[in-house]
Amino acid sequence: MAMQVSATKETCAVSSMCVYRAPAVFDQDEDGTVEVIDPNPPAELHEAVRSAARGCPTRSIHVE
């Protein structure tokens, strides 16, 4: 099943946990704010993305 990942940059707390947990899906811009580099990650990354979303202190990561 396909996964769609997005993030709300305005609420990002720059904790970097998403990048740590799923570096193939998340990165940070020059200000340290979250960037989604793979909005449709392959199935083998789904659990890492869910973990990143659960670990986001501001709930800025959205998974559908």
C-alpha atoms as a PDB file:
ATOM      1  CA  MET A   1       0.000   0.000   0.000  1.00  0.00           C
ATOM      2  CA  ALA A   2       1.261   3.473  -0.869  1.00  0.00           C
ATOM      3  CA  MET A   3       2.268   5.947   1.796  1.00  0.00           C
ATOM      4  CA  GLN A   4       2.046   9.723   1.438  1.00  0.00           C
ATOM      5  CA  VAL A   5       4.312  11.793   3.716  1.00  0.00           C
ATOM      6  CA  SER A   6       4.125  15.526   4.320  1.00  0.00           C
ATOM      7  CA  ALA A   7       5.374  17.931   6.972  1.00  0.00           C
ATOM      8  CA  THR A   8       4.325  21.287   8.357  1.00  0.00           C
ATOM      9  CA  LYS A   9       7.463  23.427   8.291  1.00  0.00           C
ATOM     10  CA  GLU A  10       5.848  26.212  10.326  1.00  0.00           C
ATOM     11  CA  THR A  11       5.489  24.009  13.400  1.00  0.00           C
ATOM     12  CA  CYS A  12       8.799  22.132  13.090  1.00  0.00           C
ATOM     13  CA  ALA A  13      10.811  22.306  16.330  1.00  0.00           C
ATOM     14  CA  VAL A  14      14.094  21.400  14.580  1.00  0.00           C
ATOM     15  CA  SER A  15      14.597  18.343  16.810  1.00  0.00           C
ATOM     16  CA  SER A  16      16.123  16.378  13.889  1.00  0.00           C
ATOM     17  CA  MET A  17      14.537  13.132  15.093  1.00  0.00           C
ATOM     18  CA  CYS A  18      12.839  12.567  11.740  1.00  0.00           C
ATOM     19  CA  VAL A  19      16.155  12.824   9.894  1.00  0.00           C
ATOM     20  CA  TYR A  20      17.766  10.463  12.406  1.00  0.00           C
ATOM     21  CA  ARG A  21      14.976   7.873  12.103  1.00  0.00           C
ATOM     22  CA  ALA A  22      14.372   8.056   8.332  1.00  0.00           C
ATOM     23  CA  PRO A  23      17.221   9.855   6.540  1.00  0.00           C
ATOM     24  CA  ALA A  24      16.086   8.589   3.140  1.00  0.00           C
ATOM     25  CA  VAL A  25      12.749  10.385   3.597  1.00  0.00           C
ATOM     26  CA  PHE A  26      13.551  13.505   5.655  1.00  0.00           C
ATOM     27  CA  ASP A  27      16.201  16.204   5.499  1.00  0.00           C
ATOM     28  CA  GLN A  28      16.605  19.703   6.895  1.00  0.00           C
ATOM     29  CA  ASP A  29      16.809  23.013   5.066  1.00  0.00           C
ATOM     30  CA  GLU A  30      19.417  25.690   5.806  1.00  0.00           C
ATOM     31  CA  ASP A  31      17.436  26.753   8.889  1.00  0.00           C
ATOM     32  CA  GLY A  32      17.199  23.195  10.195  1.00  0.00           C
ATOM     33  CA  THR A  33      13.503  22.891   9.369  1.00  0.00           C
ATOM     34  CA  VAL A  34      12.141  19.566   8.137  1.00  0.00           C
ATOM     35  CA  GLU A  35      11.998  18.811   4.426  1.00  0.00           C
ATOM     36  CA  VAL A  36      10.365  15.728   2.939  1.00  0.00           C
ATOM     37  CA  ILE A  37      12.686  14.425   0.238  1.00  0.00           C
ATOM     38  CA  ASP A  38      10.666  11.290  -0.545  1.00  0.00           C
ATOM     39  CA  PRO A  39       6.914  11.881  -0.117  1.00  0.00           C
ATOM     40  CA  ASN A  40       6.136   8.329  -1.345  1.00  0.00           C
ATOM     41  CA  PRO A  41       8.703   6.107   0.381  1.00  0.00           C
ATOM     42  CA  PRO A  42       8.982   2.406  -0.446  1.00  0.00           C
ATOM     43  CA  ALA A  43       7.347  -0.158   1.836  1.00  0.00           C
ATOM     44  CA  GLU A  44      10.603  -1.055   3.574  1.00  0.00           C
ATOM     45  CA  LEU A  45      10.774   2.509   4.986  1.00  0.00           C
ATOM     46  CA  HIS A  46       7.170   2.739   6.201  1.00  0.00           C
ATOM     47  CA  GLU A  47       7.911   1.678   9.786  1.00  0.00           C
ATOM     48  CA  ALA A  48      10.821   4.152  10.052  1.00  0.00           C
ATOM     49  CA  VAL A  49       8.554   6.940   8.765  1.00  0.00           C
ATOM     50  CA  ARG A  50       5.825   6.018  11.254  1.00  0.00           C
ATOM     51  CA  SER A  51       8.433   6.031  14.019  1.00  0.00           C
ATOM     52  CA  ALA A  52       9.608   9.480  12.920  1.00  0.00           C
ATOM     53  CA  ALA A  53       6.026  10.759  12.918  1.00  0.00           C
ATOM     54  CA  ARG A  54       5.372   9.337  16.403  1.00  0.00           C
ATOM     55  CA  GLY A  55       8.620  10.847  17.678  1.00  0.00           C
ATOM     56  CA  CYS A  56       8.006  14.339  16.316  1.00  0.00           C
ATOM     57  CA  PRO A  57       7.565  16.587  19.376  1.00  0.00           C
ATOM     58  CA  THR A  58       5.293  19.012  17.512  1.00  0.00           C
ATOM     59  CA  ARG A  59       3.407  16.422  15.397  1.00  0.00           C
ATOM     60  CA  SER A  60       4.613  18.206  12.264  1.00  0.00           C
ATOM     61  CA  ILE A  61       4.958  15.000  10.238  1.00  0.00           C
ATOM     62  CA  HIS A  62       1.830  13.655   8.552  1.00  0.00           C
ATOM     63  CA  VAL A  63       1.456  10.126   7.180  1.00  0.00           C
ATOM     64  CA  GLU A  64      -1.452   8.922   5.068  1.00  0.00           C
END
